[in-house]
Amino acid sequence: MADDLAQRPIVIKRIKKVAGGHHGGAWKIAYADFVTAMMAFFLLMWLLSAASKSTLYGISDYFKTPLKVALAGGSGSGDRDAVLKGGGQDFSRQEGQVQKGIINEDKAKREAKKIKRERAELMKLEGLKKKIESAIEANPSLKKFENQLLLDITTDGLRIQIVDEQNRPMFALSKAELQPYTKTILREIGKMLNEVTNKISLSGHTDAKPYPTGDKGYSNWELSADRANASRRELITGGMDTQKVLKVVGLSSAVLFDKEDPLNPINRRISIVVMNEKAEKAVTMDNPTLDIDIDDDPDAELIQNPESNTQ
């Protein structure tokens, strides 16, 4: 019996004691980290919502800085006297170099105002178009000629075209003498054009049938210009302000209404355009310049430094 007890293995049972209950306190550390992270996240969201567009753009530009250039210095896409070398344009510099973020913000405001003006102008021209169409319907002397009156909105503004028909020409044959019904139409239109402040342009058009002398003598170019001027005089007789006319041109058969049939009578027409702001500026500006935003141009660096193109 004593030998059996001596040979029995000795088992040592170790009991691990955990302080703070059976779950321990590690979860408290994890929870604290989570709360801290959430607080930092909401703080970041609050700061972003309170920052202006220029500030956000500056922050974005800051993180575009190449790390190697920022730490070691040297040339880079934005190398200059700045807090950090390289990266994009220095948004903190005031003299000799405008702040890029502010430029973009101002540009967005200008674009928004421009779009608002264009919409208001379009609505005004649409209103004038409807008024002229209503006047044609209400006036018996105009209604019978409604097939010869074409109205549409173009990129230049409201276009009113008075076209020839086979048996009802607007002018005497090969002359700038207006027919009586054409005078009536132009005078009625002239009254309504004063209701908007927009300037107008007139263009005369002919078909492709040339004069016997060709272009060496009196030709379709002179005829179309004379007809446009005759129409201008009738608009003024109808009550239109003389200062509204901005351009009068004769285009001969250069711009055909029916390109498939150059001799179609519908090609003989007078076009009156109530111009929008953009079209007016295009006419009034002498040799207008073209504005190019270098920051938005993918070849901006090449434009600024043409010698850099070594390919």
Protein backbone atom coordinates (compact mmCIF):
# COMPACT_ATOMS: atom_id res chain seq x y z
CA MET A 1 0.00 0.00 0.00
CA ALA A 2 2.81 2.38 0.89
CA ASP A 3 4.54 1.50 -2.39
CA ASP A 4 1.41 2.39 -4.40
CA LEU A 5 1.25 5.81 -2.81
CA ALA A 6 4.92 6.44 -3.51
CA GLN A 7 4.49 5.62 -7.19
CA ARG A 8 1.34 7.78 -7.74
CA PRO A 9 2.17 11.01 -9.71
CA ILE A 10 1.91 14.29 -7.91
CA VAL A 11 -0.54 16.72 -9.60
CA ILE A 12 -0.08 20.45 -8.88
CA LYS A 13 -3.14 22.56 -9.71
CA ARG A 14 -2.43 26.25 -10.29
CA ILE A 15 -5.32 28.67 -10.07
CA LYS A 16 -4.90 31.96 -12.05
CA LYS A 17 -6.43 34.84 -10.22
CA VAL A 18 -7.79 37.70 -12.41
CA ALA A 19 -8.27 41.06 -10.82
CA GLY A 20 -11.35 43.15 -11.52
CA GLY A 21 -13.88 40.42 -12.00
CA HIS A 22 -14.10 37.50 -14.39
CA HIS A 23 -13.85 39.72 -17.58
CA GLY A 24 -10.83 41.75 -16.58
CA GLY A 25 -10.25 45.46 -17.53
CA ALA A 26 -8.84 45.21 -21.10
CA TRP A 27 -12.20 46.18 -22.66
CA LYS A 28 -12.02 49.56 -20.96
CA ILE A 29 -8.85 50.42 -22.85
CA ALA A 30 -10.40 49.38 -26.18
CA TYR A 31 -13.55 51.38 -25.45
CA ALA A 32 -11.51 54.45 -24.54
CA ASP A 33 -9.60 54.18 -27.83
CA PHE A 34 -12.89 53.90 -29.72
CA VAL A 35 -14.40 56.97 -28.01
CA THR A 36 -11.22 58.97 -28.66
CA ALA A 37 -11.26 58.01 -32.34
CA MET A 38 -14.95 58.98 -32.68
CA MET A 39 -14.31 62.31 -30.99
CA ALA A 40 -11.41 63.00 -33.37
CA PHE A 41 -13.58 62.02 -36.36
CA PHE A 42 -16.45 64.35 -35.41
CA LEU A 43 -13.98 67.13 -34.64
CA LEU A 44 -12.51 66.70 -38.13
CA MET A 45 -15.97 66.79 -39.70
CA TRP A 46 -16.79 69.99 -37.81
CA LEU A 47 -13.56 71.65 -38.92
CA LEU A 48 -14.15 70.69 -42.57
CA SER A 49 -17.69 72.04 -42.52
CA ALA A 50 -16.50 75.34 -41.03
CA ALA A 51 -13.57 75.81 -43.44
CA SER A 52 -13.93 77.90 -46.61
CA LYS A 53 -13.35 76.51 -50.08
CA SER A 54 -10.03 78.32 -50.40
CA THR A 55 -8.81 76.82 -47.11
CA LEU A 56 -9.85 73.32 -48.17
CA TYR A 57 -8.12 73.80 -51.50
CA GLY A 58 -4.97 74.94 -49.70
CA ILE A 59 -5.00 71.85 -47.49
CA SER A 60 -5.46 69.65 -50.54
CA ASP A 61 -2.62 71.41 -52.30
CA TYR A 62 -0.40 70.97 -49.24
CA PHE A 63 -0.76 67.19 -49.34
CA LYS A 64 0.25 67.14 -53.00
CA THR A 65 3.77 68.10 -51.94
CA PRO A 66 6.28 65.35 -52.87
CA LEU A 67 7.77 64.06 -49.60
CA LYS A 68 11.31 63.84 -50.93
CA VAL A 69 11.25 67.41 -52.22
CA ALA A 70 9.59 68.65 -49.03
CA LEU A 71 12.26 67.15 -46.79
CA ALA A 72 15.39 67.54 -48.91
CA GLY A 73 14.45 70.61 -50.97
CA GLY A 74 15.18 71.08 -54.63
CA SER A 75 13.16 71.70 -57.76
CA GLY A 76 9.64 70.43 -58.03
CA SER A 77 6.32 71.24 -59.63
CA GLY A 78 5.87 74.07 -57.17
CA ASP A 79 9.41 74.89 -56.04
CA ARG A 80 9.54 78.45 -54.67
CA ASP A 81 9.96 80.39 -51.45
CA ALA A 82 7.26 78.61 -49.50
CA VAL A 83 6.84 76.85 -46.20
CA LEU A 84 7.46 73.54 -47.96
CA LYS A 85 9.23 73.06 -51.26
CA GLY A 86 7.54 71.36 -54.18
CA GLY A 87 3.91 70.44 -54.51
CA GLY A 88 1.31 72.74 -56.06
CA GLN A 89 1.11 76.52 -55.99
CA ASP A 90 1.83 78.28 -52.71
CA PHE A 91 -1.57 79.38 -51.41
CA SER A 92 0.00 81.47 -48.63
CA ARG A 93 1.87 83.85 -50.92
CA GLN A 94 0.18 87.22 -51.48
CA GLU A 95 2.46 89.39 -53.64
CA GLY A 96 3.39 88.45 -57.17
CA GLN A 97 1.46 85.23 -56.92
CA VAL A 98 -2.28 85.16 -56.24
CA GLN A 99 -3.87 82.63 -53.99
CA LYS A 100 -5.10 79.71 -56.07
CA GLY A 101 -7.94 78.76 -53.77
CA ILE A 102 -9.36 82.29 -53.80
CA ILE A 103 -9.07 82.42 -57.60
CA ASN A 104 -11.11 79.24 -57.98
CA GLU A 105 -13.73 80.48 -55.53
CA ASP A 106 -14.08 83.80 -57.35
CA LYS A 107 -14.21 82.01 -60.68
CA ALA A 108 -17.05 79.79 -59.46
CA LYS A 109 -18.99 82.86 -58.30
CA ARG A 110 -18.50 84.58 -61.65
CA GLU A 111 -19.63 81.48 -63.50
CA ALA A 112 -22.74 81.21 -61.31
CA LYS A 113 -23.63 84.86 -61.98
CA LYS A 114 -23.03 84.38 -65.70
CA ILE A 115 -25.32 81.34 -65.82
CA LYS A 116 -28.00 83.24 -63.91
CA ARG A 117 -27.82 86.17 -66.35
CA GLU A 118 -27.98 83.86 -69.36
CA ARG A 119 -31.05 82.08 -67.98
CA ALA A 120 -32.81 85.37 -67.29
CA GLU A 121 -31.96 86.60 -70.79
CA LEU A 122 -33.19 83.37 -72.36
CA MET A 123 -36.50 83.68 -70.52
CA LYS A 124 -36.82 87.28 -71.75
CA LEU A 125 -36.22 86.24 -75.36
CA GLU A 126 -38.64 83.33 -75.01
CA GLY A 127 -41.24 85.82 -73.78
CA LEU A 128 -40.63 88.07 -76.80
CA LYS A 129 -40.94 85.08 -79.13
CA LYS A 130 -44.30 84.12 -77.65
CA LYS A 131 -45.50 87.72 -77.87
CA ILE A 132 -44.61 87.97 -81.56
CA GLU A 133 -46.30 84.63 -82.24
CA SER A 134 -49.42 85.85 -80.41
CA ALA A 135 -49.37 89.11 -82.39
CA ILE A 136 -49.20 87.15 -85.65
CA GLU A 137 -52.19 85.06 -84.61
CA ALA A 138 -54.20 88.10 -83.50
CA ASN A 139 -53.40 90.32 -86.50
CA PRO A 140 -55.27 89.24 -89.67
CA SER A 141 -52.81 91.17 -91.88
CA LEU A 142 -49.94 89.13 -90.41
CA LYS A 143 -51.63 85.76 -89.96
CA LYS A 144 -51.93 85.14 -93.69
CA PHE A 145 -48.15 85.45 -93.93
CA GLU A 146 -47.33 83.22 -90.95
CA ASN A 147 -45.80 80.57 -93.20
CA GLN A 148 -43.19 83.14 -94.22
CA LEU A 149 -42.34 84.10 -90.62
CA LEU A 150 -39.96 81.69 -88.90
CA LEU A 151 -38.99 82.21 -85.25
CA ASP A 152 -36.44 80.23 -83.26
CA ILE A 153 -33.89 80.60 -80.45
CA THR A 154 -30.26 80.26 -81.53
CA THR A 155 -26.92 80.59 -79.74
CA ASP A 156 -26.92 84.29 -80.71
CA GLY A 157 -30.45 85.05 -79.51
CA LEU A 158 -33.99 85.18 -80.93
CA ARG A 159 -33.94 84.84 -84.73
CA ILE A 160 -36.85 86.14 -86.83
CA GLN A 161 -36.69 85.12 -90.48
CA ILE A 162 -38.92 86.48 -93.22
CA VAL A 163 -38.64 84.19 -96.23
CA ASP A 164 -39.81 84.24 -99.82
CA GLU A 165 -42.47 81.96 -101.23
CA GLN A 166 -42.74 80.91 -104.85
CA ASN A 167 -45.70 83.15 -105.58
CA ARG A 168 -45.15 85.75 -102.87
CA PRO A 169 -41.69 87.39 -103.01
CA MET A 170 -40.68 89.96 -100.38
CA PHE A 171 -38.83 92.17 -102.85
CA ALA A 172 -39.16 93.19 -106.46
CA LEU A 173 -37.19 90.94 -108.80
CA SER A 174 -33.43 91.58 -108.48
CA LYS A 175 -34.11 94.79 -106.53
CA ALA A 176 -34.11 96.00 -102.92
CA GLU A 177 -37.63 97.41 -103.26
CA LEU A 178 -39.91 95.97 -100.55
CA GLN A 179 -43.37 94.65 -101.36
CA PRO A 180 -46.23 96.31 -99.41
CA TYR A 181 -46.95 93.21 -97.32
CA THR A 182 -43.27 92.98 -96.32
CA LYS A 183 -43.36 96.58 -95.11
CA THR A 184 -46.38 95.74 -92.94
CA ILE A 185 -44.62 92.76 -91.37
CA LEU A 186 -41.43 94.70 -90.64
CA ARG A 187 -43.27 97.66 -89.12
CA GLU A 188 -45.26 95.42 -86.79
CA ILE A 189 -42.10 93.64 -85.70
CA GLY A 190 -40.32 96.98 -85.19
CA LYS A 191 -42.92 98.04 -82.61
CA MET A 192 -42.36 94.92 -80.51
CA LEU A 193 -38.57 95.00 -80.61
CA ASN A 194 -38.53 98.12 -78.42
CA GLU A 195 -39.88 96.05 -75.52
CA VAL A 196 -36.44 94.52 -74.92
CA THR A 197 -33.13 96.30 -74.44
CA ASN A 198 -31.20 93.85 -76.60
CA LYS A 199 -29.47 95.03 -79.75
CA ILE A 200 -30.36 93.51 -83.12
CA SER A 201 -28.52 92.45 -86.24
CA LEU A 202 -29.94 92.17 -89.75
CA SER A 203 -28.65 90.01 -92.56
CA GLY A 204 -29.87 89.78 -96.14
CA HIS A 205 -29.74 86.51 -98.07
CA THR A 206 -30.29 85.60 -101.72
CA ASP A 207 -30.51 82.35 -103.64
CA ALA A 208 -27.57 81.07 -105.66
CA LYS A 209 -28.75 82.40 -109.02
CA PRO A 210 -26.04 84.87 -110.09
CA TYR A 211 -26.34 88.14 -111.97
CA PRO A 212 -25.39 88.01 -115.67
CA THR A 213 -22.26 90.04 -114.90
CA GLY A 214 -21.23 87.68 -112.11
CA ASP A 215 -19.37 89.16 -109.13
CA LYS A 216 -17.48 91.74 -111.18
CA GLY A 217 -20.35 94.25 -111.15
CA TYR A 218 -23.49 94.59 -109.03
CA SER A 219 -23.97 91.11 -107.59
CA ASN A 220 -25.91 89.17 -104.99
CA TRP A 221 -23.53 90.54 -102.36
CA GLU A 222 -24.64 94.12 -102.98
CA LEU A 223 -28.27 93.07 -103.44
CA SER A 224 -28.41 91.20 -100.11
CA ALA A 225 -26.81 94.16 -98.29
CA ASP A 226 -29.24 96.63 -99.90
CA ARG A 227 -32.21 94.47 -98.93
CA ALA A 228 -30.97 94.24 -95.34
CA ASN A 229 -30.70 98.04 -95.17
CA ALA A 230 -34.15 98.46 -96.72
CA SER A 231 -35.53 96.20 -93.98
CA ARG A 232 -33.71 98.24 -91.32
CA ARG A 233 -35.40 101.43 -92.55
CA GLU A 234 -38.86 99.81 -92.36
CA LEU A 235 -38.23 98.58 -88.80
CA ILE A 236 -37.36 102.16 -87.80
CA THR A 237 -40.44 103.47 -89.64
CA GLY A 238 -42.50 101.05 -87.54
CA GLY A 239 -41.17 102.69 -84.36
CA MET A 240 -38.00 100.76 -83.52
CA ASP A 241 -35.27 102.79 -81.82
CA THR A 242 -32.44 103.54 -84.25
CA GLN A 243 -29.85 102.78 -81.56
CA LYS A 244 -30.94 99.14 -81.39
CA VAL A 245 -29.31 98.25 -84.71
CA LEU A 246 -25.80 96.90 -84.14
CA LYS A 247 -25.01 95.15 -87.41
CA VAL A 248 -26.36 95.06 -90.96
CA VAL A 249 -24.75 92.63 -93.42
CA GLY A 250 -25.38 91.10 -96.81
CA LEU A 251 -24.44 87.43 -97.07
CA SER A 252 -25.48 86.70 -100.65
CA SER A 253 -25.97 82.91 -100.95
CA ALA A 254 -23.17 82.04 -98.51
CA VAL A 255 -25.63 80.80 -95.84
CA LEU A 256 -28.41 78.88 -97.59
CA PHE A 257 -31.62 77.93 -95.82
CA ASP A 258 -32.14 74.99 -98.16
CA LYS A 259 -28.69 73.58 -98.84
CA GLU A 260 -30.12 70.81 -101.02
CA ASP A 261 -31.66 73.31 -103.46
CA PRO A 262 -29.64 76.55 -103.74
CA LEU A 263 -32.27 78.04 -106.08
CA ASN A 264 -35.20 77.45 -103.69
CA PRO A 265 -37.08 80.76 -103.12
CA ILE A 266 -36.90 80.17 -99.34
CA ASN A 267 -33.19 80.98 -99.53
CA ARG A 268 -34.17 84.58 -100.31
CA ARG A 269 -34.82 85.94 -96.85
CA ILE A 270 -34.21 88.61 -94.24
CA SER A 271 -32.90 87.45 -90.87
CA ILE A 272 -33.38 89.61 -87.77
CA VAL A 273 -31.56 88.44 -84.65
CA VAL A 274 -32.37 89.90 -81.22
CA MET A 275 -28.90 89.32 -79.82
CA ASN A 276 -28.05 88.02 -76.39
CA GLU A 277 -25.23 89.48 -74.27
CA LYS A 278 -22.62 87.08 -75.62
CA ALA A 279 -23.44 87.88 -79.26
CA GLU A 280 -23.42 91.63 -78.55
CA LYS A 281 -19.96 91.43 -76.98
CA ALA A 282 -18.66 89.44 -79.94
CA VAL A 283 -19.72 92.28 -82.26
CA THR A 284 -18.76 95.28 -80.13
CA MET A 285 -15.33 94.07 -78.95
CA ASP A 286 -12.52 94.93 -81.36
CA ASN A 287 -10.20 91.93 -81.67
CA PRO A 288 -11.39 90.26 -78.45
CA THR A 289 -8.78 88.34 -76.50
CA LEU A 290 -9.08 84.71 -75.50
CA ASP A 291 -8.80 84.03 -71.77
CA ILE A 292 -7.04 80.75 -70.94
CA ASP A 293 -6.98 79.41 -67.39
CA ILE A 294 -3.46 77.95 -67.25
CA ASP A 295 -4.26 76.11 -64.01
CA ASP A 296 -6.88 74.04 -65.85
CA ASP A 297 -4.69 73.39 -68.89
CA PRO A 298 -2.92 70.02 -68.92
CA ASP A 299 -0.10 71.62 -70.91
CA ALA A 300 0.22 74.58 -68.53
CA GLU A 301 3.87 73.88 -67.72
CA LEU A 302 4.70 73.67 -71.41
CA ILE A 303 2.94 77.00 -72.05
CA GLN A 304 4.84 78.72 -69.27
CA ASN A 305 8.19 77.19 -70.20
CA PRO A 306 8.26 76.06 -73.87
CA GLU A 307 11.95 75.12 -73.61
CA SER A 308 11.05 72.35 -71.18
CA ASN A 309 9.70 70.26 -74.07
CA THR A 310 12.72 68.17 -74.96
CA GLN A 311 10.92 65.46 -76.85
